[in-house]
């Protein structure tokens, strides 16, 4: 399936997510490669939410087990590696829970 960037998305955040989710599922249908799937999702989310500063993935480094390594993303340079417990992403990895923070800069251990 081809994809065309759009500027007529719903203003409501939940509606926009639902719409882009359906598009992502259609585009990924039949694609088995994990890297290709992650790169596509990052690209489509960045396109659908232009205010997002960084959109992408960190994956657990299989050789270390307690460190994240940057995966496919869209945006400015991301940290190449994040130890579990460091910053928002490292906290999420360590606790295996989503971290919702109001101000990432005020988060203990924030990575600048």
PDB file of N, CA and C in Angstrom:
ATOM      1  N   UNK A   1       0.838  -1.177   0.000  1.00  0.00           N
ATOM      2  CA  UNK A   1       0.000   0.000   0.000  1.00  0.00           C
ATOM      3  C   UNK A   1       0.877   1.233   0.000  1.00  0.00           C
ATOM      4  N   UNK A   2       0.543   2.204  -0.808  1.00  0.00           N
ATOM      5  CA  UNK A   2       1.290   3.454  -0.794  1.00  0.00           C
ATOM      6  C   UNK A   2       0.718   4.376   0.269  1.00  0.00           C
ATOM      7  N   UNK A   3       1.509   5.332   0.677  1.00  0.00           N
ATOM      8  CA  UNK A   3       1.104   6.261   1.726  1.00  0.00           C
ATOM      9  C   UNK A   3       1.337   7.675   1.240  1.00  0.00           C
ATOM     10  N   UNK A   4       0.370   8.533   1.480  1.00  0.00           N
ATOM     11  CA  UNK A   4       0.489   9.930   1.090  1.00  0.00           C
ATOM     12  C   UNK A   4       0.368  10.787   2.351  1.00  0.00           C
ATOM     13  N   UNK A   5       1.360  11.630   2.588  1.00  0.00           N
ATOM     14  CA  UNK A   5       1.315  12.532   3.738  1.00  0.00           C
ATOM     15  C   UNK A   5       0.098  13.443   3.613  1.00  0.00           C
ATOM     16  N   UNK A   6      -0.505  13.753   4.768  1.00  0.00           N
ATOM     17  CA  UNK A   6      -1.734  14.549   4.749  1.00  0.00           C
ATOM     18  C   UNK A   6      -1.644  15.705   5.726  1.00  0.00           C
ATOM     19  N   UNK A   7      -2.377  16.754   5.429  1.00  0.00           N
ATOM     20  CA  UNK A   7      -2.459  17.880   6.359  1.00  0.00           C
ATOM     21  C   UNK A   7      -3.905  18.147   6.786  1.00  0.00           C
ATOM     22  N   UNK A   8      -4.782  17.166   6.578  1.00  0.00           N
ATOM     23  CA  UNK A   8      -6.200  17.327   6.923  1.00  0.00           C
ATOM     24  C   UNK A   8      -6.610  16.369   8.038  1.00  0.00           C
ATOM     25  N   UNK A   9      -5.729  16.116   8.968  1.00  0.00           N
ATOM     26  CA  UNK A   9      -6.004  15.188  10.062  1.00  0.00           C
ATOM     27  C   UNK A   9      -6.991  15.787  11.063  1.00  0.00           C
ATOM     28  N   UNK A  10      -7.712  14.930  11.788  1.00  0.00           N
ATOM     29  CA  UNK A  10      -8.610  15.436  12.836  1.00  0.00           C
ATOM     30  C   UNK A  10      -7.836  16.209  13.896  1.00  0.00           C
ATOM     31  N   UNK A  11      -8.446  17.241  14.437  1.00  0.00           N
ATOM     32  CA  UNK A  11      -7.810  18.033  15.496  1.00  0.00           C
ATOM     33  C   UNK A  11      -7.797  17.269  16.819  1.00  0.00           C
ATOM     34  N   UNK A  12      -8.814  16.452  17.056  1.00  0.00           N
ATOM     35  CA  UNK A  12      -8.895  15.681  18.289  1.00  0.00           C
ATOM     36  C   UNK A  12      -7.786  14.627  18.316  1.00  0.00           C
ATOM     37  N   UNK A  13      -7.015  14.614  19.391  1.00  0.00           N
ATOM     38  CA  UNK A  13      -5.850  13.730  19.497  1.00  0.00           C
ATOM     39  C   UNK A  13      -6.238  12.254  19.383  1.00  0.00           C
ATOM     40  N   UNK A  14      -7.288  11.839  20.089  1.00  0.00           N
ATOM     41  CA  UNK A  14      -7.717  10.435  20.052  1.00  0.00           C
ATOM     42  C   UNK A  14      -8.164  10.034  18.653  1.00  0.00           C
ATOM     43  N   UNK A  15      -8.888  10.915  17.990  1.00  0.00           N
ATOM     44  CA  UNK A  15      -9.328  10.628  16.614  1.00  0.00           C
ATOM     45  C   UNK A  15      -8.143  10.542  15.669  1.00  0.00           C
ATOM     46  N   UNK A  16      -7.171  11.416  15.872  1.00  0.00           N
ATOM     47  CA  UNK A  16      -5.982  11.405  15.018  1.00  0.00           C
ATOM     48  C   UNK A  16      -5.199  10.111  15.204  1.00  0.00           C
ATOM     49  N   UNK A  17      -5.020   9.690  16.468  1.00  0.00           N
ATOM     50  CA  UNK A  17      -4.339   8.422  16.731  1.00  0.00           C
ATOM     51  C   UNK A  17      -5.085   7.257  16.089  1.00  0.00           C
ATOM     52  N   UNK A  18      -6.393   7.230  16.218  1.00  0.00           N
ATOM     53  CA  UNK A  18      -7.186   6.134  15.643  1.00  0.00           C
ATOM     54  C   UNK A  18      -7.029   6.095  14.125  1.00  0.00           C
ATOM     55  N   UNK A  19      -7.049   7.251  13.521  1.00  0.00           N
ATOM     56  CA  UNK A  19      -6.918   7.320  12.067  1.00  0.00           C
ATOM     57  C   UNK A  19      -5.542   6.840  11.603  1.00  0.00           C
ATOM     58  N   UNK A  20      -4.493   7.337  12.248  1.00  0.00           N
ATOM     59  CA  UNK A  20      -3.148   6.953  11.830  1.00  0.00           C
ATOM     60  C   UNK A  20      -2.871   5.494  12.177  1.00  0.00           C
ATOM     61  N   UNK A  21      -3.481   4.979  13.244  1.00  0.00           N
ATOM     62  CA  UNK A  21      -3.323   3.562  13.574  1.00  0.00           C
ATOM     63  C   UNK A  21      -3.848   2.691  12.429  1.00  0.00           C
ATOM     64  N   UNK A  22      -5.012   3.021  11.924  1.00  0.00           N
ATOM     65  CA  UNK A  22      -5.580   2.245  10.816  1.00  0.00           C
ATOM     66  C   UNK A  22      -4.670   2.306   9.594  1.00  0.00           C
ATOM     67  N   UNK A  23      -4.102   3.464   9.324  1.00  0.00           N
ATOM     68  CA  UNK A  23      -3.189   3.609   8.180  1.00  0.00           C
ATOM     69  C   UNK A  23      -1.916   2.804   8.392  1.00  0.00           C
ATOM     70  N   UNK A  24      -1.376   2.866   9.600  1.00  0.00           N
ATOM     71  CA  UNK A  24      -0.151   2.112   9.911  1.00  0.00           C
ATOM     72  C   UNK A  24      -0.394   0.618   9.729  1.00  0.00           C
ATOM     73  N   UNK A  25      -1.492   0.114  10.269  1.00  0.00           N
ATOM     74  CA  UNK A  25      -1.798  -1.314  10.143  1.00  0.00           C
ATOM     75  C   UNK A  25      -1.931  -1.719   8.682  1.00  0.00           C
ATOM     76  N   UNK A  26      -2.522  -0.867   7.867  1.00  0.00           N
ATOM     77  CA  UNK A  26      -2.672  -1.180   6.444  1.00  0.00           C
ATOM     78  C   UNK A  26      -1.320  -1.211   5.737  1.00  0.00           C
ATOM     79  N   UNK A  27      -0.472  -0.250   6.052  1.00  0.00           N
ATOM     80  CA  UNK A  27       0.842  -0.180   5.402  1.00  0.00           C
ATOM     81  C   UNK A  27       1.732  -1.347   5.829  1.00  0.00           C
ATOM     82  N   UNK A  28       1.660  -1.734   7.099  1.00  0.00           N
ATOM     83  CA  UNK A  28       2.520  -2.804   7.609  1.00  0.00           C
ATOM     84  C   UNK A  28       2.038  -4.207   7.261  1.00  0.00           C
ATOM     85  N   UNK A  29       0.817  -4.321   6.789  1.00  0.00           N
ATOM     86  CA  UNK A  29       0.249  -5.632   6.485  1.00  0.00           C
ATOM     87  C   UNK A  29       1.186  -6.437   5.579  1.00  0.00           C
ATOM     88  N   UNK A  30       1.636  -7.567   6.070  1.00  0.00           N
ATOM     89  CA  UNK A  30       2.490  -8.453   5.280  1.00  0.00           C
ATOM     90  C   UNK A  30       3.974  -8.177   5.384  1.00  0.00           C
ATOM     91  N   UNK A  31       4.384  -7.119   6.086  1.00  0.00           N
ATOM     92  CA  UNK A  31       5.818  -6.812   6.212  1.00  0.00           C
ATOM     93  C   UNK A  31       6.372  -7.492   7.465  1.00  0.00           C
ATOM     94  N   UNK A  32       7.253  -8.482   7.287  1.00  0.00           N
ATOM     95  CA  UNK A  32       7.754  -9.222   8.447  1.00  0.00           C
ATOM     96  C   UNK A  32       8.985  -8.602   9.126  1.00  0.00           C
ATOM     97  N   UNK A  33       9.703  -7.703   8.460  1.00  0.00           N
ATOM     98  CA  UNK A  33      10.956  -7.191   8.999  1.00  0.00           C
ATOM     99  C   UNK A  33      10.712  -6.163  10.096  1.00  0.00           C
ATOM    100  N   UNK A  34      11.231  -6.440  11.290  1.00  0.00           N
ATOM    101  CA  UNK A  34      11.001  -5.581  12.441  1.00  0.00           C
ATOM    102  C   UNK A  34      11.565  -4.175  12.243  1.00  0.00           C
ATOM    103  N   UNK A  35      12.755  -4.064  11.688  1.00  0.00           N
ATOM    104  CA  UNK A  35      13.349  -2.743  11.476  1.00  0.00           C
ATOM    105  C   UNK A  35      12.514  -1.926  10.506  1.00  0.00           C
ATOM    106  N   UNK A  36      12.085  -2.534   9.433  1.00  0.00           N
ATOM    107  CA  UNK A  36      11.240  -1.832   8.466  1.00  0.00           C
ATOM    108  C   UNK A  36       9.927  -1.396   9.110  1.00  0.00           C
ATOM    109  N   UNK A  37       9.368  -2.251   9.940  1.00  0.00           N
ATOM    110  CA  UNK A  37       8.109  -1.921  10.615  1.00  0.00           C
ATOM    111  C   UNK A  37       8.299  -0.737  11.572  1.00  0.00           C
ATOM    112  N   UNK A  38       9.367  -0.757  12.374  1.00  0.00           N
ATOM    113  CA  UNK A  38       9.615   0.339  13.315  1.00  0.00           C
ATOM    114  C   UNK A  38       9.886   1.646  12.575  1.00  0.00           C
ATOM    115  N   UNK A  39      10.688   1.604  11.526  1.00  0.00           N
ATOM    116  CA  UNK A  39      10.996   2.814  10.759  1.00  0.00           C
ATOM    117  C   UNK A  39       9.729   3.407  10.145  1.00  0.00           C
ATOM    118  N   UNK A  40       8.862   2.550   9.663  1.00  0.00           N
ATOM    119  CA  UNK A  40       7.614   3.008   9.056  1.00  0.00           C
ATOM    120  C   UNK A  40       6.708   3.650  10.100  1.00  0.00           C
ATOM    121  N   UNK A  41       6.574   3.023  11.251  1.00  0.00           N
ATOM    122  CA  UNK A  41       5.730   3.582  12.315  1.00  0.00           C
ATOM    123  C   UNK A  41       6.276   4.937  12.759  1.00  0.00           C
ATOM    124  N   UNK A  42       7.580   5.041  12.969  1.00  0.00           N
ATOM    125  CA  UNK A  42       8.179   6.312  13.389  1.00  0.00           C
ATOM    126  C   UNK A  42       7.900   7.401  12.360  1.00  0.00           C
ATOM    127  N   UNK A  43       8.066   7.075  11.103  1.00  0.00           N
ATOM    128  CA  UNK A  43       7.842   8.040  10.030  1.00  0.00           C
ATOM    129  C   UNK A  43       6.388   8.485   9.967  1.00  0.00           C
ATOM    130  N   UNK A  44       5.477   7.529  10.053  1.00  0.00           N
ATOM    131  CA  UNK A  44       4.058   7.871   9.931  1.00  0.00           C
ATOM    132  C   UNK A  44       3.557   8.657  11.137  1.00  0.00           C
ATOM    133  N   UNK A  45       4.037   8.333  12.330  1.00  0.00           N
ATOM    134  CA  UNK A  45       3.642   9.103  13.512  1.00  0.00           C
ATOM    135  C   UNK A  45       4.220  10.521  13.466  1.00  0.00           C
ATOM    136  N   UNK A  46       5.460  10.649  13.038  1.00  0.00           N
ATOM    137  CA  UNK A  46       6.074  11.973  12.927  1.00  0.00           C
ATOM    138  C   UNK A  46       5.306  12.827  11.924  1.00  0.00           C
ATOM    139  N   UNK A  47       4.855  12.209  10.847  1.00  0.00           N
ATOM    140  CA  UNK A  47       4.088  12.930   9.837  1.00  0.00           C
ATOM    141  C   UNK A  47       2.713  13.334  10.375  1.00  0.00           C
ATOM    142  N   UNK A  48       2.074  12.445  11.112  1.00  0.00           N
ATOM    143  CA  UNK A  48       0.718  12.700  11.616  1.00  0.00           C
ATOM    144  C   UNK A  48       0.699  13.686  12.782  1.00  0.00           C
ATOM    145  N   UNK A  49       1.827  13.786  13.503  1.00  0.00           N
ATOM    146  CA  UNK A  49       1.914  14.672  14.663  1.00  0.00           C
ATOM    147  C   UNK A  49       3.135  15.574  14.511  1.00  0.00           C
ATOM    148  N   UNK A  50       3.051  16.604  13.676  1.00  0.00           N
ATOM    149  CA  UNK A  50       4.228  17.425  13.394  1.00  0.00           C
ATOM    150  C   UNK A  50       4.797  18.155  14.606  1.00  0.00           C
ATOM    151  N   UNK A  51       4.023  18.278  15.677  1.00  0.00           N
ATOM    152  CA  UNK A  51       4.540  18.943  16.879  1.00  0.00           C
ATOM    153  C   UNK A  51       5.453  18.040  17.695  1.00  0.00           C
ATOM    154  N   UNK A  52       5.460  16.732  17.397  1.00  0.00           N
ATOM    155  CA  UNK A  52       6.339  15.819  18.133  1.00  0.00           C
ATOM    156  C   UNK A  52       7.789  16.166  17.830  1.00  0.00           C
ATOM    157  N   UNK A  53       8.595  16.244  18.877  1.00  0.00           N
ATOM    158  CA  UNK A  53      10.004  16.582  18.758  1.00  0.00           C
ATOM    159  C   UNK A  53      10.825  15.381  18.298  1.00  0.00           C
ATOM    160  N   UNK A  54      10.454  14.201  18.772  1.00  0.00           N
ATOM    161  CA  UNK A  54      11.199  12.970  18.490  1.00  0.00           C
ATOM    162  C   UNK A  54      10.209  11.827  18.493  1.00  0.00           C
ATOM    163  N   UNK A  55      10.248  11.010  17.480  1.00  0.00           N
ATOM    164  CA  UNK A  55       9.331   9.876  17.377  1.00  0.00           C
ATOM    165  C   UNK A  55      10.145   8.661  16.985  1.00  0.00           C
ATOM    166  N   UNK A  56      10.109   7.613  17.800  1.00  0.00           N
ATOM    167  CA  UNK A  56      10.876   6.443  17.429  1.00  0.00           C
ATOM    168  C   UNK A  56      10.922   5.393  18.508  1.00  0.00           C
ATOM    169  N   UNK A  57      11.944   4.576  18.412  1.00  0.00           N
ATOM    170  CA  UNK A  57      12.058   3.385  19.246  1.00  0.00           C
ATOM    171  C   UNK A  57      13.432   3.266  19.866  1.00  0.00           C
ATOM    172  N   UNK A  58      13.429   2.751  21.081  1.00  0.00           N
ATOM    173  CA  UNK A  58      14.632   2.214  21.710  1.00  0.00           C
ATOM    174  C   UNK A  58      14.363   0.739  21.925  1.00  0.00           C
ATOM    175  N   UNK A  59      15.353  -0.079  21.728  1.00  0.00           N
ATOM    176  CA  UNK A  59      15.204  -1.517  21.939  1.00  0.00           C
ATOM    177  C   UNK A  59      16.262  -1.976  22.941  1.00  0.00           C
ATOM    178  N   UNK A  60      15.964  -3.055  23.626  1.00  0.00           N
ATOM    179  CA  UNK A  60      16.920  -3.598  24.590  1.00  0.00           C
ATOM    180  C   UNK A  60      18.084  -4.218  23.832  1.00  0.00           C
ATOM    181  N   UNK A  61      19.287  -3.851  24.226  1.00  0.00           N
ATOM    182  CA  UNK A  61      20.486  -4.434  23.628  1.00  0.00           C
ATOM    183  C   UNK A  61      20.595  -5.875  24.122  1.00  0.00           C
ATOM    184  N   UNK A  62      20.437  -6.819  23.226  1.00  0.00           N
ATOM    185  CA  UNK A  62      20.441  -8.241  23.590  1.00  0.00           C
ATOM    186  C   UNK A  62      21.767  -8.671  24.213  1.00  0.00           C
ATOM    187  N   UNK A  63      22.864  -8.011  23.846  1.00  0.00           N
ATOM    188  CA  UNK A  63      24.173  -8.385  24.381  1.00  0.00           C
ATOM    189  C   UNK A  63      24.362  -7.908  25.822  1.00  0.00           C
ATOM    190  N   UNK A  64      23.604  -6.888  26.231  1.00  0.00           N
ATOM    191  CA  UNK A  64      23.781  -6.339  27.581  1.00  0.00           C
ATOM    192  C   UNK A  64      22.589  -6.635  28.482  1.00  0.00           C
ATOM    193  N   UNK A  65      21.388  -6.550  27.949  1.00  0.00           N
ATOM    194  CA  UNK A  65      20.190  -6.882  28.709  1.00  0.00           C
ATOM    195  C   UNK A  65      19.670  -5.796  29.621  1.00  0.00           C
ATOM    196  N   UNK A  66      20.506  -4.813  29.971  1.00  0.00           N
ATOM    197  CA  UNK A  66      20.053  -3.744  30.858  1.00  0.00           C
ATOM    198  C   UNK A  66      20.382  -2.373  30.274  1.00  0.00           C
ATOM    199  N   UNK A  67      20.366  -2.312  28.951  1.00  0.00           N
ATOM    200  CA  UNK A  67      20.677  -1.061  28.272  1.00  0.00           C
ATOM    201  C   UNK A  67      19.830  -0.966  27.006  1.00  0.00           C
ATOM    202  N   UNK A  68      19.317   0.237  26.767  1.00  0.00           N
ATOM    203  CA  UNK A  68      18.570   0.488  25.539  1.00  0.00           C
ATOM    204  C   UNK A  68      19.520   0.999  24.471  1.00  0.00           C
ATOM    205  N   UNK A  69      19.260   0.636  23.244  1.00  0.00           N
ATOM    206  CA  UNK A  69      20.006   1.159  22.110  1.00  0.00           C
ATOM    207  C   UNK A  69      18.986   1.768  21.153  1.00  0.00           C
ATOM    208  N   UNK A  70      19.336   2.901  20.576  1.00  0.00           N
ATOM    209  CA  UNK A  70      18.400   3.611  19.707  1.00  0.00           C
ATOM    210  C   UNK A  70      18.048   2.757  18.487  1.00  0.00           C
ATOM    211  N   UNK A  71      16.790   2.796  18.136  1.00  0.00           N
ATOM    212  CA  UNK A  71      16.300   2.110  16.950  1.00  0.00           C
ATOM    213  C   UNK A  71      15.885   3.147  15.927  1.00  0.00           C
ATOM    214  N   UNK A  72      15.093   2.750  14.970  1.00  0.00           N
ATOM    215  CA  UNK A  72      14.634   3.713  13.965  1.00  0.00           C
ATOM    216  C   UNK A  72      13.866   4.873  14.619  1.00  0.00           C
ATOM    217  N   UNK A  73      14.141   6.075  14.150  1.00  0.00           N
ATOM    218  CA  UNK A  73      13.444   7.247  14.683  1.00  0.00           C
ATOM    219  C   UNK A  73      13.430   8.377  13.672  1.00  0.00           C
ATOM    220  N   UNK A  74      12.613   9.387  13.972  1.00  0.00           N
ATOM    221  CA  UNK A  74      12.544  10.635  13.221  1.00  0.00           C
ATOM    222  C   UNK A  74      12.773  11.757  14.221  1.00  0.00           C
ATOM    223  N   UNK A  75      13.604  12.708  13.899  1.00  0.00           N
ATOM    224  CA  UNK A  75      13.833  13.842  14.789  1.00  0.00           C
ATOM    225  C   UNK A  75      15.306  14.132  14.946  1.00  0.00           C
ATOM    226  N   UNK A  76      15.605  14.917  15.971  1.00  0.00           N
ATOM    227  CA  UNK A  76      16.987  15.283  16.229  1.00  0.00           C
ATOM    228  C   UNK A  76      17.743  14.088  16.809  1.00  0.00           C
ATOM    229  N   UNK A  77      19.034  14.227  16.921  1.00  0.00           N
ATOM    230  CA  UNK A  77      19.871  13.143  17.420  1.00  0.00           C
ATOM    231  C   UNK A  77      19.368  12.650  18.766  1.00  0.00           C
ATOM    232  N   UNK A  78      19.171  11.343  18.857  1.00  0.00           N
ATOM    233  CA  UNK A  78      18.768  10.733  20.118  1.00  0.00           C
ATOM    234  C   UNK A  78      19.970  10.117  20.801  1.00  0.00           C
ATOM    235  N   UNK A  79      19.814   9.780  22.056  1.00  0.00           N
ATOM    236  CA  UNK A  79      20.888   9.076  22.771  1.00  0.00           C
ATOM    237  C   UNK A  79      21.109   7.738  22.078  1.00  0.00           C
ATOM    238  N   UNK A  80      22.324   7.373  21.843  1.00  0.00           N
ATOM    239  CA  UNK A  80      22.593   6.086  21.207  1.00  0.00           C
ATOM    240  C   UNK A  80      22.321   4.941  22.169  1.00  0.00           C
ATOM    241  N   UNK A  81      22.656   5.141  23.441  1.00  0.00           N
ATOM    242  CA  UNK A  81      22.443   4.111  24.456  1.00  0.00           C
ATOM    243  C   UNK A  81      21.960   4.756  25.748  1.00  0.00           C
ATOM    244  N   UNK A  82      21.053   4.063  26.419  1.00  0.00           N
ATOM    245  CA  UNK A  82      20.513   4.540  27.695  1.00  0.00           C
ATOM    246  C   UNK A  82      20.490   3.378  28.674  1.00  0.00           C
ATOM    247  N   UNK A  83      21.211   3.496  29.786  1.00  0.00           N
ATOM    248  CA  UNK A  83      21.153   2.436  30.793  1.00  0.00           C
ATOM    249  C   UNK A  83      19.769   2.375  31.435  1.00  0.00           C
ATOM    250  N   UNK A  84      19.326   1.189  31.782  1.00  0.00           N
ATOM    251  CA  UNK A  84      18.067   1.041  32.505  1.00  0.00           C
ATOM    252  C   UNK A  84      18.137   1.927  33.752  1.00  0.00           C
ATOM    253  N   UNK A  85      17.065   2.644  34.022  1.00  0.00           N
ATOM    254  CA  UNK A  85      16.984   3.490  35.194  1.00  0.00           C
ATOM    255  C   UNK A  85      17.395   4.933  34.957  1.00  0.00           C
ATOM    256  N   UNK A  86      17.996   5.242  33.824  1.00  0.00           N
ATOM    257  CA  UNK A  86      18.456   6.616  33.553  1.00  0.00           C
ATOM    258  C   UNK A  86      17.466   7.341  32.657  1.00  0.00           C
ATOM    259  N   UNK A  87      17.000   8.499  33.093  1.00  0.00           N
ATOM    260  CA  UNK A  87      16.064   9.290  32.310  1.00  0.00           C
ATOM    261  C   UNK A  87      14.703   8.621  32.199  1.00  0.00           C
ATOM    262  N   UNK A  88      13.827   9.246  31.434  1.00  0.00           N
ATOM    263  CA  UNK A  88      12.459   8.740  31.281  1.00  0.00           C
ATOM    264  C   UNK A  88      12.452   7.376  30.597  1.00  0.00           C
ATOM    265  N   UNK A  89      13.177   7.244  29.505  1.00  0.00           N
ATOM    266  CA  UNK A  89      13.183   5.970  28.773  1.00  0.00           C
ATOM    267  C   UNK A  89      13.824   4.857  29.590  1.00  0.00           C
ATOM    268  N   UNK A  90      14.915   5.174  30.273  1.00  0.00           N
ATOM    269  CA  UNK A  90      15.570   4.175  31.112  1.00  0.00           C
ATOM    270  C   UNK A  90      14.703   3.761  32.293  1.00  0.00           C
ATOM    271  N   UNK A  91      13.944   4.722  32.843  1.00  0.00           N
ATOM    272  CA  UNK A  91      13.018   4.401  33.933  1.00  0.00           C
ATOM    273  C   UNK A  91      11.910   3.475  33.427  1.00  0.00           C
ATOM    274  N   UNK A  92      11.404   3.759  32.244  1.00  0.00           N
ATOM    275  CA  UNK A  92      10.362   2.900  31.660  1.00  0.00           C
ATOM    276  C   UNK A  92      10.889   1.492  31.443  1.00  0.00           C
ATOM    277  N   UNK A  93      12.111   1.386  30.953  1.00  0.00           N
ATOM    278  CA  UNK A  93      12.702   0.068  30.709  1.00  0.00           C
ATOM    279  C   UNK A  93      12.911  -0.690  32.019  1.00  0.00           C
ATOM    280  N   UNK A  94      13.405   0.007  33.035  1.00  0.00           N
ATOM    281  CA  UNK A  94      13.690  -0.649  34.311  1.00  0.00           C
ATOM    282  C   UNK A  94      12.412  -1.108  35.008  1.00  0.00           C
ATOM    283  N   UNK A  95      11.387  -0.252  35.010  1.00  0.00           N
ATOM    284  CA  UNK A  95      10.151  -0.568  35.727  1.00  0.00           C
ATOM    285  C   UNK A  95       9.146  -1.333  34.869  1.00  0.00           C
ATOM    286  N   UNK A  96       9.395  -1.338  33.551  1.00  0.00           N
ATOM    287  CA  UNK A  96       8.451  -1.942  32.595  1.00  0.00           C
ATOM    288  C   UNK A  96       7.071  -1.303  32.707  1.00  0.00           C
ATOM    289  N   UNK A  97       7.075   0.015  32.961  1.00  0.00           N
ATOM    290  CA  UNK A  97       5.840   0.782  33.046  1.00  0.00           C
ATOM    291  C   UNK A  97       5.995   2.075  32.257  1.00  0.00           C
ATOM    292  N   UNK A  98       4.904   2.483  31.620  1.00  0.00           N
ATOM    293  CA  UNK A  98       4.875   3.754  30.908  1.00  0.00           C
ATOM    294  C   UNK A  98       5.146   4.884  31.888  1.00  0.00           C
ATOM    295  N   UNK A  99       5.944   5.834  31.474  1.00  0.00           N
ATOM    296  CA  UNK A  99       6.234   7.009  32.291  1.00  0.00           C
ATOM    297  C   UNK A  99       5.519   8.205  31.664  1.00  0.00           C
ATOM    298  N   UNK A 100       4.620   8.806  32.407  1.00  0.00           N
ATOM    299  CA  UNK A 100       3.942  10.016  31.956  1.00  0.00           C
ATOM    300  C   UNK A 100       4.483  11.159  32.802  1.00  0.00           C
ATOM    301  N   UNK A 101       5.186  12.080  32.165  1.00  0.00           N
ATOM    302  CA  UNK A 101       5.805  13.178  32.896  1.00  0.00           C
ATOM    303  C   UNK A 101       5.351  14.509  32.307  1.00  0.00           C
ATOM    304  N   UNK A 102       5.131  15.458  33.190  1.00  0.00           N
ATOM    305  CA  UNK A 102       4.692  16.779  32.738  1.00  0.00           C
ATOM    306  C   UNK A 102       5.861  17.575  32.168  1.00  0.00           C
ATOM    307  N   UNK A 103       7.027  17.447  32.797  1.00  0.00           N
ATOM    308  CA  UNK A 103       8.204  18.203  32.366  1.00  0.00           C
ATOM    309  C   UNK A 103       9.403  17.268  32.364  1.00  0.00           C
ATOM    310  N   UNK A 104       9.812  16.835  31.187  1.00  0.00           N
ATOM    311  CA  UNK A 104      10.905  15.875  31.083  1.00  0.00           C
ATOM    312  C   UNK A 104      12.190  16.432  31.685  1.00  0.00           C
ATOM    313  N   UNK A 105      12.368  17.748  31.622  1.00  0.00           N
ATOM    314  CA  UNK A 105      13.585  18.364  32.160  1.00  0.00           C
ATOM    315  C   UNK A 105      13.632  18.279  33.685  1.00  0.00           C
ATOM    316  N   UNK A 106      12.478  18.157  34.334  1.00  0.00           N
ATOM    317  CA  UNK A 106      12.423  18.054  35.794  1.00  0.00           C
ATOM    318  C   UNK A 106      12.482  16.611  36.267  1.00  0.00           C
ATOM    319  N   UNK A 107      12.482  15.664  35.336  1.00  0.00           N
ATOM    320  CA  UNK A 107      12.498  14.251  35.695  1.00  0.00           C
ATOM    321  C   UNK A 107      13.858  13.884  36.295  1.00  0.00           C
ATOM    322  N   UNK A 108      13.868  13.178  37.446  1.00  0.00           N
ATOM    323  CA  UNK A 108      15.153  12.777  38.046  1.00  0.00           C
ATOM    324  C   UNK A 108      15.984  11.944  37.062  1.00  0.00           C
ATOM    325  N   UNK A 109      17.222  12.355  36.902  1.00  0.00           N
ATOM    326  CA  UNK A 109      18.101  11.623  35.980  1.00  0.00           C
ATOM    327  C   UNK A 109      17.894  11.983  34.526  1.00  0.00           C
ATOM    328  N   UNK A 110      17.195  13.105  34.257  1.00  0.00           N
ATOM    329  CA  UNK A 110      16.955  13.531  32.870  1.00  0.00           C
ATOM    330  C   UNK A 110      18.273  13.589  32.093  1.00  0.00           C
ATOM    331  N   UNK A 111      18.233  13.093  30.897  1.00  0.00           N
ATOM    332  CA  UNK A 111      19.407  13.095  30.024  1.00  0.00           C
ATOM    333  C   UNK A 111      19.296  14.301  29.097  1.00  0.00           C
ATOM    334  N   UNK A 112      20.165  15.278  29.278  1.00  0.00           N
ATOM    335  CA  UNK A 112      20.104  16.488  28.468  1.00  0.00           C
ATOM    336  C   UNK A 112      20.805  16.297  27.153  1.00  0.00           C
TER     337      UNK A 112
END
